[in-house]
Amino acid sequence: PTASPPTTSPTTPSGGGGGGDDSDDPCFAGTELVSLESGKQVALANVRVGDRVQVATASGETAFSPVVFVPHKANSKQSTFVELETSMGRTLKATPTHLIVAGQCGEAMSLVRAKDISVGDCVKTVAGEDKVVASETNTGFGVYTVVTAEMSGYVVVNGIVASSFAQLHFLPNMYYNIHRALYNILPQELMGSDVMESINMGFYKVAAGALALATMRSE
């Protein structure tokens, strides 16, 4: 998909490293489904490092790519979700600032926050455009996202193309190039371990602090 970041700019990258209100985490509900290369579907809560899930490339084609990192381990975090329903019967439940490929039907699409997608807009799916017929906000438990080796940073969830991230796509996606590189040299068991989660938290805090400092200096 052709995608551009939303007009709002956060002071910290929303890359799944924690911090802030849970509603600002770049997350889907754990019940949402991704398709595996085997043809099976699996809930995001059950995805593991190394699983080959359906993604979208920067050119808009679908493919399968290994999961290199799962930012959120098994959890029951309470969060606000926006639940979208489309004319083709697809649904997607994501946190309000999670980025989804959407726009006016028949026009170029970009990354839009879930809370900014209106009834009558279209989302990009594996079958093409699909009009949104309902949008509601509710509360749920469990927040999840996945980062894959696909450099675009797009993942297909419930057949709908979305970013793995919230608020801003480019910086978090660049940040996770570290994990993509490590996946190629470290055992999968390590990439999915508590040790890597702790390392990710450290990387994230440094990146968030640097971005916050750069933002303050530019103001």
N, C-alpha and C. Protein backbone atom coordinates (compact mmCIF):
# COMPACT_ATOMS: atom_id res chain seq x y z
N PRO A 1 0.82 -1.19 0.00
CA PRO A 1 0.00 0.00 0.00
C PRO A 1 0.86 1.25 0.00
N THR A 2 0.36 2.31 -0.58
CA THR A 2 1.05 3.58 -0.49
C THR A 2 0.63 4.23 0.80
N ALA A 3 1.57 4.49 1.68
CA ALA A 3 1.21 4.93 3.01
C ALA A 3 2.04 6.12 3.43
N SER A 4 1.42 7.01 4.19
CA SER A 4 2.12 8.13 4.78
C SER A 4 1.66 8.26 6.21
N PRO A 5 2.50 8.80 7.11
CA PRO A 5 2.12 8.88 8.51
C PRO A 5 1.01 9.89 8.72
N PRO A 6 0.21 9.72 9.79
CA PRO A 6 -0.84 10.69 10.09
C PRO A 6 -0.24 12.03 10.43
N THR A 7 -1.08 13.05 10.48
CA THR A 7 -0.57 14.40 10.66
C THR A 7 -0.09 14.66 12.08
N THR A 8 -0.57 13.91 13.06
CA THR A 8 -0.13 14.12 14.43
C THR A 8 1.22 13.47 14.64
N SER A 9 2.07 14.11 15.45
CA SER A 9 3.40 13.59 15.72
C SER A 9 3.58 13.42 17.21
N PRO A 10 3.88 12.21 17.66
CA PRO A 10 4.08 11.97 19.08
C PRO A 10 5.44 12.43 19.53
N THR A 11 5.65 12.54 20.84
CA THR A 11 6.95 12.89 21.37
C THR A 11 7.77 11.66 21.68
N THR A 12 7.14 10.48 21.63
CA THR A 12 7.88 9.24 21.78
C THR A 12 7.41 8.26 20.74
N PRO A 13 8.28 7.38 20.26
CA PRO A 13 7.87 6.42 19.24
C PRO A 13 6.98 5.35 19.84
N SER A 14 5.86 5.05 19.19
CA SER A 14 4.96 4.01 19.69
C SER A 14 5.32 2.70 19.01
N GLY A 15 6.34 2.06 19.55
CA GLY A 15 6.85 0.86 18.92
C GLY A 15 6.66 -0.39 19.73
N GLY A 16 5.79 -0.36 20.72
CA GLY A 16 5.53 -1.56 21.49
C GLY A 16 6.50 -1.74 22.64
N GLY A 17 7.19 -0.67 23.04
CA GLY A 17 8.17 -0.81 24.10
C GLY A 17 7.62 -0.55 25.46
N GLY A 18 6.37 -0.16 25.55
CA GLY A 18 5.78 0.10 26.85
C GLY A 18 5.75 1.58 27.13
N GLY A 19 5.18 1.93 28.28
CA GLY A 19 5.10 3.33 28.66
C GLY A 19 3.84 3.95 28.17
N GLY A 20 3.36 4.97 28.92
CA GLY A 20 2.17 5.69 28.50
C GLY A 20 0.92 4.91 28.80
N ASP A 21 -0.22 5.49 28.41
CA ASP A 21 -1.51 4.84 28.60
C ASP A 21 -1.59 3.61 27.72
N ASP A 22 -2.23 2.55 28.21
CA ASP A 22 -2.33 1.32 27.43
C ASP A 22 -3.03 1.56 26.11
N SER A 23 -3.94 2.56 26.07
CA SER A 23 -4.67 2.83 24.83
C SER A 23 -3.75 3.38 23.75
N ASP A 24 -2.54 3.84 24.13
CA ASP A 24 -1.60 4.37 23.16
C ASP A 24 -0.62 3.31 22.68
N ASP A 25 -0.66 2.11 23.27
CA ASP A 25 0.19 1.04 22.79
C ASP A 25 -0.21 0.69 21.36
N PRO A 26 0.78 0.31 20.53
CA PRO A 26 0.46 -0.03 19.14
C PRO A 26 -0.09 -1.44 19.06
N CYS A 27 -1.37 -1.58 19.38
CA CYS A 27 -1.86 -2.93 19.64
C CYS A 27 -3.18 -3.26 18.95
N PHE A 28 -3.33 -4.54 18.73
CA PHE A 28 -4.61 -5.14 18.38
C PHE A 28 -5.09 -5.94 19.59
N ALA A 29 -6.36 -6.25 19.60
CA ALA A 29 -6.86 -7.18 20.61
C ALA A 29 -6.25 -8.55 20.34
N GLY A 30 -6.00 -9.30 21.41
CA GLY A 30 -5.36 -10.60 21.27
C GLY A 30 -6.18 -11.62 20.51
N THR A 31 -7.47 -11.35 20.36
CA THR A 31 -8.36 -12.28 19.64
C THR A 31 -8.29 -12.13 18.13
N GLU A 32 -7.69 -11.04 17.63
CA GLU A 32 -7.64 -10.79 16.19
C GLU A 32 -6.73 -11.82 15.53
N LEU A 33 -7.03 -12.14 14.27
CA LEU A 33 -6.39 -13.27 13.60
C LEU A 33 -5.39 -12.85 12.52
N VAL A 34 -4.29 -13.58 12.45
CA VAL A 34 -3.36 -13.46 11.33
C VAL A 34 -3.32 -14.81 10.62
N SER A 35 -3.02 -14.76 9.33
CA SER A 35 -2.95 -15.99 8.53
C SER A 35 -1.51 -16.47 8.45
N LEU A 36 -1.32 -17.76 8.67
CA LEU A 36 -0.01 -18.36 8.55
C LEU A 36 0.21 -18.88 7.13
N GLU A 37 1.46 -19.10 6.76
CA GLU A 37 1.77 -19.60 5.42
C GLU A 37 1.18 -20.98 5.20
N SER A 38 0.95 -21.71 6.28
CA SER A 38 0.37 -23.05 6.20
C SER A 38 -1.11 -23.01 5.82
N GLY A 39 -1.71 -21.81 5.88
CA GLY A 39 -3.13 -21.68 5.59
C GLY A 39 -3.98 -21.57 6.84
N LYS A 40 -3.40 -21.87 7.98
CA LYS A 40 -4.13 -21.76 9.24
C LYS A 40 -4.20 -20.31 9.69
N GLN A 41 -5.16 -20.02 10.54
CA GLN A 41 -5.25 -18.72 11.18
C GLN A 41 -4.98 -18.88 12.66
N VAL A 42 -4.31 -17.89 13.23
CA VAL A 42 -3.96 -17.95 14.64
C VAL A 42 -4.21 -16.60 15.28
N ALA A 43 -4.70 -16.61 16.51
CA ALA A 43 -4.93 -15.38 17.25
C ALA A 43 -3.60 -14.71 17.57
N LEU A 44 -3.58 -13.39 17.55
CA LEU A 44 -2.33 -12.66 17.83
C LEU A 44 -1.76 -13.04 19.19
N ALA A 45 -2.61 -13.35 20.14
CA ALA A 45 -2.13 -13.73 21.47
C ALA A 45 -1.30 -15.00 21.43
N ASN A 46 -1.43 -15.78 20.36
CA ASN A 46 -0.73 -17.06 20.26
C ASN A 46 0.40 -17.06 19.24
N VAL A 47 0.68 -15.92 18.64
CA VAL A 47 1.75 -15.84 17.64
C VAL A 47 3.11 -15.90 18.35
N ARG A 48 4.05 -16.60 17.74
CA ARG A 48 5.38 -16.74 18.31
C ARG A 48 6.44 -16.30 17.30
N VAL A 49 7.60 -15.94 17.80
CA VAL A 49 8.74 -15.61 16.93
C VAL A 49 9.01 -16.79 16.00
N GLY A 50 9.20 -16.50 14.73
CA GLY A 50 9.45 -17.53 13.73
C GLY A 50 8.22 -17.91 12.93
N ASP A 51 7.02 -17.64 13.46
CA ASP A 51 5.80 -17.90 12.68
C ASP A 51 5.81 -17.04 11.42
N ARG A 52 5.46 -17.63 10.30
CA ARG A 52 5.41 -16.89 9.04
C ARG A 52 3.97 -16.42 8.82
N VAL A 53 3.75 -15.12 8.96
CA VAL A 53 2.41 -14.55 8.89
C VAL A 53 2.25 -13.70 7.63
N GLN A 54 1.01 -13.49 7.26
CA GLN A 54 0.73 -12.70 6.06
C GLN A 54 1.00 -11.22 6.31
N VAL A 55 1.68 -10.61 5.36
CA VAL A 55 2.04 -9.19 5.44
C VAL A 55 1.72 -8.54 4.10
N ALA A 56 1.90 -7.24 4.05
CA ALA A 56 1.79 -6.50 2.79
C ALA A 56 3.11 -5.80 2.54
N THR A 57 3.59 -5.88 1.31
CA THR A 57 4.84 -5.21 0.96
C THR A 57 4.58 -3.75 0.64
N ALA A 58 5.65 -2.99 0.50
CA ALA A 58 5.51 -1.58 0.19
C ALA A 58 4.83 -1.35 -1.16
N SER A 59 4.93 -2.33 -2.06
CA SER A 59 4.31 -2.20 -3.38
C SER A 59 2.84 -2.61 -3.37
N GLY A 60 2.36 -3.10 -2.23
CA GLY A 60 0.95 -3.45 -2.10
C GLY A 60 0.65 -4.93 -2.27
N GLU A 61 1.67 -5.73 -2.57
CA GLU A 61 1.46 -7.17 -2.73
C GLU A 61 1.43 -7.85 -1.36
N THR A 62 0.73 -8.98 -1.28
CA THR A 62 0.75 -9.74 -0.05
C THR A 62 1.82 -10.81 -0.12
N ALA A 63 2.36 -11.16 1.03
CA ALA A 63 3.42 -12.16 1.12
C ALA A 63 3.38 -12.74 2.53
N PHE A 64 4.32 -13.63 2.81
CA PHE A 64 4.44 -14.18 4.16
C PHE A 64 5.86 -13.90 4.66
N SER A 65 5.93 -13.52 5.93
CA SER A 65 7.22 -13.12 6.49
C SER A 65 7.31 -13.61 7.93
N PRO A 66 8.50 -14.01 8.38
CA PRO A 66 8.62 -14.48 9.76
C PRO A 66 8.49 -13.37 10.78
N VAL A 67 7.87 -13.69 11.88
CA VAL A 67 7.80 -12.76 13.01
C VAL A 67 9.17 -12.73 13.68
N VAL A 68 9.74 -11.53 13.80
CA VAL A 68 11.07 -11.41 14.42
C VAL A 68 10.99 -10.97 15.87
N PHE A 69 9.86 -10.38 16.25
CA PHE A 69 9.73 -9.93 17.65
C PHE A 69 8.26 -9.75 17.99
N VAL A 70 7.91 -10.11 19.22
CA VAL A 70 6.56 -9.90 19.75
C VAL A 70 6.70 -8.94 20.93
N PRO A 71 6.40 -7.66 20.73
CA PRO A 71 6.63 -6.66 21.79
C PRO A 71 5.90 -6.92 23.10
N HIS A 72 4.69 -7.46 23.02
CA HIS A 72 3.91 -7.71 24.23
C HIS A 72 3.81 -9.21 24.49
N LYS A 73 4.29 -9.64 25.62
CA LYS A 73 4.12 -11.03 26.02
C LYS A 73 2.68 -11.24 26.46
N ALA A 74 2.34 -12.48 26.81
CA ALA A 74 0.98 -12.79 27.27
C ALA A 74 0.58 -11.81 28.36
N ASN A 75 -0.57 -11.17 28.17
CA ASN A 75 -0.98 -10.14 29.12
C ASN A 75 -2.50 -10.02 29.16
N SER A 76 -2.97 -9.35 30.17
CA SER A 76 -4.40 -9.06 30.30
C SER A 76 -4.61 -7.58 30.54
N LYS A 77 -3.76 -6.76 29.88
CA LYS A 77 -3.88 -5.31 30.02
C LYS A 77 -5.26 -4.84 29.59
N GLN A 78 -5.84 -3.98 30.40
CA GLN A 78 -7.10 -3.37 30.01
C GLN A 78 -6.81 -2.22 29.06
N SER A 79 -7.57 -2.15 27.99
CA SER A 79 -7.34 -1.09 27.00
C SER A 79 -8.63 -0.72 26.30
N THR A 80 -8.63 0.47 25.75
CA THR A 80 -9.72 0.92 24.90
C THR A 80 -9.44 0.47 23.47
N PHE A 81 -10.44 -0.08 22.82
CA PHE A 81 -10.29 -0.52 21.43
C PHE A 81 -11.34 0.14 20.56
N VAL A 82 -10.94 0.43 19.32
CA VAL A 82 -11.89 0.84 18.28
C VAL A 82 -12.17 -0.41 17.45
N GLU A 83 -13.43 -0.76 17.31
CA GLU A 83 -13.80 -1.94 16.52
C GLU A 83 -14.49 -1.49 15.24
N LEU A 84 -13.86 -1.82 14.11
CA LEU A 84 -14.39 -1.48 12.80
C LEU A 84 -15.08 -2.68 12.17
N GLU A 85 -16.16 -2.43 11.46
CA GLU A 85 -16.85 -3.49 10.72
C GLU A 85 -17.02 -3.02 9.29
N THR A 86 -16.80 -3.92 8.33
CA THR A 86 -16.86 -3.54 6.93
C THR A 86 -18.05 -4.18 6.22
N SER A 87 -18.27 -3.72 5.00
CA SER A 87 -19.41 -4.21 4.22
C SER A 87 -19.25 -5.68 3.84
N MET A 88 -18.00 -6.17 3.82
CA MET A 88 -17.75 -7.57 3.48
C MET A 88 -17.75 -8.46 4.71
N GLY A 89 -18.12 -7.89 5.85
CA GLY A 89 -18.21 -8.67 7.07
C GLY A 89 -16.92 -8.81 7.85
N ARG A 90 -15.89 -8.08 7.46
CA ARG A 90 -14.64 -8.12 8.20
C ARG A 90 -14.76 -7.22 9.43
N THR A 91 -14.04 -7.56 10.48
CA THR A 91 -13.96 -6.70 11.66
C THR A 91 -12.50 -6.56 12.05
N LEU A 92 -12.20 -5.49 12.75
CA LEU A 92 -10.85 -5.28 13.25
C LEU A 92 -10.95 -4.48 14.54
N LYS A 93 -10.31 -4.99 15.58
CA LYS A 93 -10.31 -4.32 16.88
C LYS A 93 -8.88 -3.91 17.21
N ALA A 94 -8.66 -2.59 17.28
CA ALA A 94 -7.33 -2.05 17.53
C ALA A 94 -7.41 -0.87 18.49
N THR A 95 -6.31 -0.56 19.13
CA THR A 95 -6.27 0.60 20.01
C THR A 95 -6.47 1.87 19.18
N PRO A 96 -6.97 2.95 19.79
CA PRO A 96 -7.40 4.13 19.02
C PRO A 96 -6.35 4.74 18.11
N THR A 97 -5.07 4.71 18.51
CA THR A 97 -4.05 5.36 17.68
C THR A 97 -3.31 4.39 16.76
N HIS A 98 -3.75 3.14 16.75
CA HIS A 98 -3.10 2.18 15.86
C HIS A 98 -3.36 2.59 14.40
N LEU A 99 -2.36 2.41 13.56
CA LEU A 99 -2.43 2.87 12.17
C LEU A 99 -2.92 1.78 11.24
N ILE A 100 -3.92 2.13 10.45
CA ILE A 100 -4.56 1.21 9.52
C ILE A 100 -4.57 1.87 8.14
N VAL A 101 -4.36 1.10 7.09
CA VAL A 101 -4.39 1.66 5.74
C VAL A 101 -5.84 1.91 5.35
N ALA A 102 -6.19 3.18 5.18
CA ALA A 102 -7.58 3.56 4.95
C ALA A 102 -7.64 4.89 4.21
N GLY A 103 -8.85 5.29 3.85
CA GLY A 103 -9.06 6.56 3.17
C GLY A 103 -10.42 6.59 2.51
N GLN A 104 -10.67 7.62 1.72
CA GLN A 104 -11.92 7.70 0.99
C GLN A 104 -11.94 6.64 -0.10
N CYS A 105 -13.06 6.01 -0.27
CA CYS A 105 -13.18 4.94 -1.25
C CYS A 105 -12.87 5.45 -2.66
N GLY A 106 -12.09 4.69 -3.39
CA GLY A 106 -11.75 5.06 -4.75
C GLY A 106 -10.59 6.01 -4.87
N GLU A 107 -10.03 6.43 -3.73
CA GLU A 107 -8.89 7.34 -3.76
C GLU A 107 -7.67 6.69 -3.11
N ALA A 108 -6.52 7.37 -3.22
CA ALA A 108 -5.30 6.84 -2.63
C ALA A 108 -5.46 6.71 -1.12
N MET A 109 -4.94 5.63 -0.58
CA MET A 109 -5.05 5.40 0.86
C MET A 109 -3.73 5.69 1.56
N SER A 110 -3.82 5.95 2.86
CA SER A 110 -2.64 6.20 3.67
C SER A 110 -2.87 5.59 5.04
N LEU A 111 -1.90 5.72 5.91
CA LEU A 111 -2.05 5.21 7.27
C LEU A 111 -2.87 6.19 8.10
N VAL A 112 -3.93 5.69 8.69
CA VAL A 112 -4.87 6.50 9.46
C VAL A 112 -5.07 5.86 10.83
N ARG A 113 -5.13 6.69 11.87
CA ARG A 113 -5.41 6.15 13.20
C ARG A 113 -6.80 5.53 13.23
N ALA A 114 -6.93 4.43 13.95
CA ALA A 114 -8.22 3.72 14.00
C ALA A 114 -9.36 4.65 14.41
N LYS A 115 -9.10 5.53 15.36
CA LYS A 115 -10.16 6.40 15.86
C LYS A 115 -10.58 7.47 14.85
N ASP A 116 -9.75 7.68 13.82
CA ASP A 116 -10.05 8.69 12.81
C ASP A 116 -10.70 8.11 11.56
N ILE A 117 -10.91 6.81 11.53
CA ILE A 117 -11.58 6.18 10.40
C ILE A 117 -13.09 6.26 10.61
N SER A 118 -13.79 6.83 9.64
CA SER A 118 -15.22 7.08 9.77
C SER A 118 -16.03 6.07 8.97
N VAL A 119 -17.27 5.90 9.38
CA VAL A 119 -18.20 5.10 8.59
C VAL A 119 -18.30 5.73 7.20
N GLY A 120 -18.18 4.91 6.17
CA GLY A 120 -18.17 5.41 4.79
C GLY A 120 -16.78 5.44 4.19
N ASP A 121 -15.75 5.45 5.04
CA ASP A 121 -14.39 5.33 4.54
C ASP A 121 -14.14 3.89 4.10
N CYS A 122 -13.04 3.67 3.40
CA CYS A 122 -12.65 2.32 3.01
C CYS A 122 -11.34 1.94 3.68
N VAL A 123 -11.19 0.68 3.98
CA VAL A 123 -9.92 0.14 4.44
C VAL A 123 -9.37 -0.78 3.35
N LYS A 124 -8.07 -0.96 3.37
CA LYS A 124 -7.43 -1.84 2.38
C LYS A 124 -7.42 -3.27 2.93
N THR A 125 -7.88 -4.21 2.13
CA THR A 125 -7.89 -5.61 2.53
C THR A 125 -7.16 -6.44 1.49
N VAL A 126 -7.02 -7.71 1.77
CA VAL A 126 -6.36 -8.61 0.81
C VAL A 126 -7.20 -8.78 -0.45
N ALA A 127 -8.48 -8.37 -0.38
CA ALA A 127 -9.38 -8.47 -1.53
C ALA A 127 -9.64 -7.11 -2.18
N GLY A 128 -8.93 -6.08 -1.73
CA GLY A 128 -9.15 -4.74 -2.27
C GLY A 128 -9.82 -3.83 -1.25
N GLU A 129 -10.45 -2.77 -1.73
CA GLU A 129 -11.13 -1.83 -0.84
C GLU A 129 -12.35 -2.47 -0.20
N ASP A 130 -12.64 -2.05 1.03
CA ASP A 130 -13.82 -2.54 1.73
C ASP A 130 -14.35 -1.39 2.59
N LYS A 131 -15.62 -1.06 2.39
CA LYS A 131 -16.19 0.10 3.06
C LYS A 131 -16.50 -0.19 4.52
N VAL A 132 -16.19 0.78 5.38
CA VAL A 132 -16.50 0.67 6.81
C VAL A 132 -17.98 1.01 7.02
N VAL A 133 -18.71 0.11 7.66
CA VAL A 133 -20.15 0.33 7.88
C VAL A 133 -20.47 0.58 9.35
N ALA A 134 -19.50 0.32 10.23
CA ALA A 134 -19.73 0.57 11.65
C ALA A 134 -18.40 0.77 12.36
N SER A 135 -18.42 1.63 13.38
CA SER A 135 -17.25 1.87 14.21
C SER A 135 -17.72 2.15 15.62
N GLU A 136 -17.20 1.41 16.57
CA GLU A 136 -17.58 1.63 17.96
C GLU A 136 -16.37 1.46 18.86
N THR A 137 -16.43 2.10 20.01
CA THR A 137 -15.34 2.04 20.98
C THR A 137 -15.77 1.18 22.17
N ASN A 138 -14.90 0.27 22.57
CA ASN A 138 -15.21 -0.55 23.73
C ASN A 138 -13.94 -0.86 24.51
N THR A 139 -14.10 -1.52 25.62
CA THR A 139 -12.98 -1.86 26.49
C THR A 139 -12.74 -3.36 26.44
N GLY A 140 -11.48 -3.75 26.41
CA GLY A 140 -11.14 -5.16 26.39
C GLY A 140 -9.86 -5.41 27.15
N PHE A 141 -9.44 -6.65 27.15
CA PHE A 141 -8.24 -7.04 27.89
C PHE A 141 -7.30 -7.81 26.97
N GLY A 142 -6.01 -7.47 27.07
CA GLY A 142 -5.00 -8.13 26.24
C GLY A 142 -4.66 -7.30 25.03
N VAL A 143 -3.40 -6.87 24.92
CA VAL A 143 -2.96 -6.04 23.80
C VAL A 143 -1.74 -6.70 23.14
N TYR A 144 -1.77 -6.78 21.81
CA TYR A 144 -0.71 -7.50 21.09
C TYR A 144 -0.43 -6.84 19.74
N THR A 145 0.82 -6.95 19.32
CA THR A 145 1.20 -6.66 17.95
C THR A 145 2.39 -7.54 17.60
N VAL A 146 2.76 -7.58 16.35
CA VAL A 146 3.91 -8.37 15.92
C VAL A 146 4.77 -7.53 14.99
N VAL A 147 6.06 -7.80 15.01
CA VAL A 147 7.00 -7.17 14.09
C VAL A 147 7.58 -8.29 13.23
N THR A 148 7.53 -8.11 11.92
CA THR A 148 8.03 -9.15 11.02
C THR A 148 9.30 -8.69 10.29
N ALA A 149 9.88 -9.63 9.55
CA ALA A 149 11.08 -9.31 8.77
C ALA A 149 10.76 -8.43 7.57
N GLU A 150 9.48 -8.34 7.18
CA GLU A 150 9.08 -7.51 6.05
C GLU A 150 9.39 -6.04 6.38
N MET A 151 10.21 -5.42 5.53
CA MET A 151 10.72 -4.08 5.80
C MET A 151 9.65 -3.00 5.77
N SER A 152 8.52 -3.27 5.10
CA SER A 152 7.47 -2.25 5.02
C SER A 152 6.84 -1.97 6.38
N GLY A 153 6.83 -2.97 7.26
CA GLY A 153 6.19 -2.80 8.57
C GLY A 153 4.69 -2.99 8.55
N TYR A 154 4.15 -3.52 7.44
CA TYR A 154 2.71 -3.76 7.34
C TYR A 154 2.40 -5.22 7.64
N VAL A 155 1.32 -5.44 8.36
CA VAL A 155 0.86 -6.78 8.67
C VAL A 155 -0.61 -6.89 8.31
N VAL A 156 -1.06 -8.08 7.95
CA VAL A 156 -2.47 -8.30 7.60
C VAL A 156 -3.16 -8.96 8.79
N VAL A 157 -4.16 -8.29 9.34
CA VAL A 157 -4.90 -8.79 10.51
C VAL A 157 -6.38 -8.85 10.15
N ASN A 158 -6.97 -10.02 10.31
CA ASN A 158 -8.37 -10.23 9.91
C ASN A 158 -8.59 -9.85 8.45
N GLY A 159 -7.55 -10.01 7.64
CA GLY A 159 -7.65 -9.69 6.22
C GLY A 159 -7.50 -8.22 5.89
N ILE A 160 -7.25 -7.38 6.89
CA ILE A 160 -7.13 -5.93 6.71
C ILE A 160 -5.67 -5.53 6.88
N VAL A 161 -5.19 -4.65 6.00
CA VAL A 161 -3.79 -4.23 6.03
C VAL A 161 -3.61 -3.10 7.05
N ALA A 162 -2.64 -3.26 7.92
CA ALA A 162 -2.38 -2.26 8.96
C ALA A 162 -0.88 -2.19 9.22
N SER A 163 -0.50 -1.14 9.91
CA SER A 163 0.87 -1.03 10.41
C SER A 163 1.01 -1.89 11.65
N SER A 164 2.22 -2.25 11.98
CA SER A 164 2.47 -2.92 13.25
C SER A 164 2.50 -1.91 14.40
N PHE A 165 2.38 -0.62 14.06
CA PHE A 165 2.65 0.43 15.04
C PHE A 165 1.50 1.42 15.18
N ALA A 166 1.67 2.34 16.14
CA ALA A 166 0.66 3.37 16.40
C ALA A 166 1.29 4.75 16.23
N GLN A 167 0.43 5.73 16.02
CA GLN A 167 0.80 7.15 15.95
C GLN A 167 1.71 7.49 14.78
N LEU A 168 2.86 6.87 14.72
CA LEU A 168 3.86 7.18 13.69
C LEU A 168 4.44 5.86 13.19
N HIS A 169 4.57 5.73 11.89
CA HIS A 169 5.03 4.45 11.33
C HIS A 169 6.53 4.41 11.08
N PHE A 170 7.07 5.46 10.51
CA PHE A 170 8.43 5.42 9.99
C PHE A 170 9.47 5.16 11.08
N LEU A 171 9.45 5.93 12.16
CA LEU A 171 10.48 5.81 13.18
C LEU A 171 10.44 4.46 13.91
N PRO A 172 9.27 4.01 14.39
CA PRO A 172 9.26 2.68 15.01
C PRO A 172 9.69 1.57 14.04
N ASN A 173 9.27 1.70 12.79
CA ASN A 173 9.65 0.67 11.82
C ASN A 173 11.16 0.66 11.62
N MET A 174 11.78 1.83 11.58
CA MET A 174 13.23 1.89 11.47
C MET A 174 13.89 1.32 12.72
N TYR A 175 13.33 1.64 13.88
CA TYR A 175 13.87 1.15 15.14
C TYR A 175 13.93 -0.38 15.15
N TYR A 176 12.89 -1.02 14.65
CA TYR A 176 12.83 -2.48 14.68
C TYR A 176 13.70 -3.14 13.62
N ASN A 177 14.41 -2.34 12.83
CA ASN A 177 15.42 -2.93 11.95
C ASN A 177 16.53 -3.59 12.78
N ILE A 178 16.70 -3.10 14.02
CA ILE A 178 17.66 -3.74 14.93
C ILE A 178 17.25 -5.19 15.17
N HIS A 179 15.98 -5.39 15.44
CA HIS A 179 15.47 -6.73 15.73
C HIS A 179 15.50 -7.61 14.47
N ARG A 180 15.23 -7.00 13.32
CA ARG A 180 15.28 -7.75 12.07
C ARG A 180 16.70 -8.27 11.83
N ALA A 181 17.68 -7.43 12.13
CA ALA A 181 19.07 -7.86 11.96
C ALA A 181 19.45 -8.93 12.97
N LEU A 182 19.03 -8.76 14.22
CA LEU A 182 19.36 -9.74 15.26
C LEU A 182 18.70 -11.09 14.98
N TYR A 183 17.51 -11.07 14.38
CA TYR A 183 16.81 -12.31 14.08
C TYR A 183 17.63 -13.20 13.15
N ASN A 184 18.41 -12.57 12.28
CA ASN A 184 19.21 -13.32 11.31
C ASN A 184 20.46 -13.95 11.91
N ILE A 185 20.83 -13.53 13.14
CA ILE A 185 22.07 -14.05 13.72
C ILE A 185 21.87 -14.72 15.07
N LEU A 186 20.73 -14.49 15.72
CA LEU A 186 20.49 -15.07 17.04
C LEU A 186 19.46 -16.20 16.95
N PRO A 187 19.50 -17.15 17.86
CA PRO A 187 18.50 -18.22 17.88
C PRO A 187 17.10 -17.66 18.10
N GLN A 188 16.10 -18.31 17.48
CA GLN A 188 14.72 -17.86 17.65
C GLN A 188 14.31 -17.88 19.12
N GLU A 189 14.82 -18.85 19.86
CA GLU A 189 14.46 -18.95 21.28
C GLU A 189 14.87 -17.70 22.04
N LEU A 190 16.02 -17.14 21.68
CA LEU A 190 16.50 -15.92 22.34
C LEU A 190 15.65 -14.72 21.95
N MET A 191 15.29 -14.65 20.66
CA MET A 191 14.49 -13.51 20.19
C MET A 191 13.12 -13.47 20.87
N GLY A 192 12.63 -14.62 21.30
CA GLY A 192 11.33 -14.67 21.95
C GLY A 192 11.41 -14.76 23.46
N SER A 193 12.59 -14.52 24.01
CA SER A 193 12.81 -14.71 25.44
C SER A 193 12.57 -13.44 26.25
N ASP A 194 12.50 -13.62 27.58
CA ASP A 194 12.37 -12.49 28.49
C ASP A 194 13.62 -11.61 28.43
N VAL A 195 14.77 -12.22 28.15
CA VAL A 195 16.00 -11.46 28.04
C VAL A 195 15.90 -10.43 26.91
N MET A 196 15.39 -10.87 25.74
CA MET A 196 15.26 -9.95 24.62
C MET A 196 14.22 -8.88 24.92
N GLU A 197 13.17 -9.24 25.66
CA GLU A 197 12.17 -8.24 26.03
C GLU A 197 12.80 -7.15 26.89
N SER A 198 13.68 -7.54 27.80
CA SER A 198 14.36 -6.56 28.66
C SER A 198 15.29 -5.68 27.84
N ILE A 199 16.01 -6.31 26.89
CA ILE A 199 16.89 -5.54 26.01
C ILE A 199 16.08 -4.56 25.18
N ASN A 200 14.93 -5.01 24.69
CA ASN A 200 14.07 -4.14 23.90
C ASN A 200 13.62 -2.94 24.71
N MET A 201 13.27 -3.17 25.98
CA MET A 201 12.86 -2.06 26.84
C MET A 201 13.98 -1.03 26.97
N GLY A 202 15.22 -1.53 27.10
CA GLY A 202 16.35 -0.61 27.21
C GLY A 202 16.54 0.19 25.94
N PHE A 203 16.52 -0.50 24.78
CA PHE A 203 16.64 0.19 23.50
C PHE A 203 15.53 1.23 23.34
N TYR A 204 14.32 0.81 23.72
CA TYR A 204 13.16 1.68 23.54
C TYR A 204 13.29 2.96 24.35
N LYS A 205 13.72 2.82 25.61
CA LYS A 205 13.84 4.01 26.47
C LYS A 205 14.89 4.97 25.92
N VAL A 206 15.99 4.43 25.40
CA VAL A 206 17.02 5.29 24.81
C VAL A 206 16.47 6.01 23.58
N ALA A 207 15.77 5.26 22.71
CA ALA A 207 15.21 5.86 21.49
C ALA A 207 14.16 6.90 21.83
N ALA A 208 13.29 6.58 22.80
CA ALA A 208 12.24 7.52 23.19
C ALA A 208 12.83 8.78 23.80
N GLY A 209 13.87 8.61 24.64
CA GLY A 209 14.52 9.78 25.25
C GLY A 209 15.19 10.66 24.22
N ALA A 210 15.86 10.03 23.25
CA ALA A 210 16.54 10.80 22.20
C ALA A 210 15.54 11.58 21.36
N LEU A 211 14.41 10.94 21.04
CA LEU A 211 13.39 11.62 20.23
C LEU A 211 12.76 12.76 21.01
N ALA A 212 12.50 12.54 22.30
CA ALA A 212 11.91 13.60 23.12
C ALA A 212 12.85 14.80 23.23
N LEU A 213 14.16 14.51 23.40
CA LEU A 213 15.15 15.58 23.48
C LEU A 213 15.24 16.35 22.17
N ALA A 214 15.24 15.63 21.06
CA ALA A 214 15.30 16.29 19.76
C ALA A 214 14.06 17.15 19.52
N THR A 215 12.90 16.67 19.99
CA THR A 215 11.66 17.44 19.83
C THR A 215 11.72 18.72 20.64
N MET A 216 12.21 18.64 21.88
CA MET A 216 12.29 19.83 22.73
C MET A 216 13.25 20.86 22.15
N ARG A 217 14.37 20.40 21.59
CA ARG A 217 15.35 21.32 21.03
C ARG A 217 14.83 22.01 19.77
N SER A 218 13.92 21.34 19.07
CA SER A 218 13.39 21.92 17.83
C SER A 218 12.26 22.91 18.10
N GLU A 219 11.72 22.91 19.30
CA GLU A 219 10.60 23.81 19.63
C GLU A 219 11.09 25.20 20.03
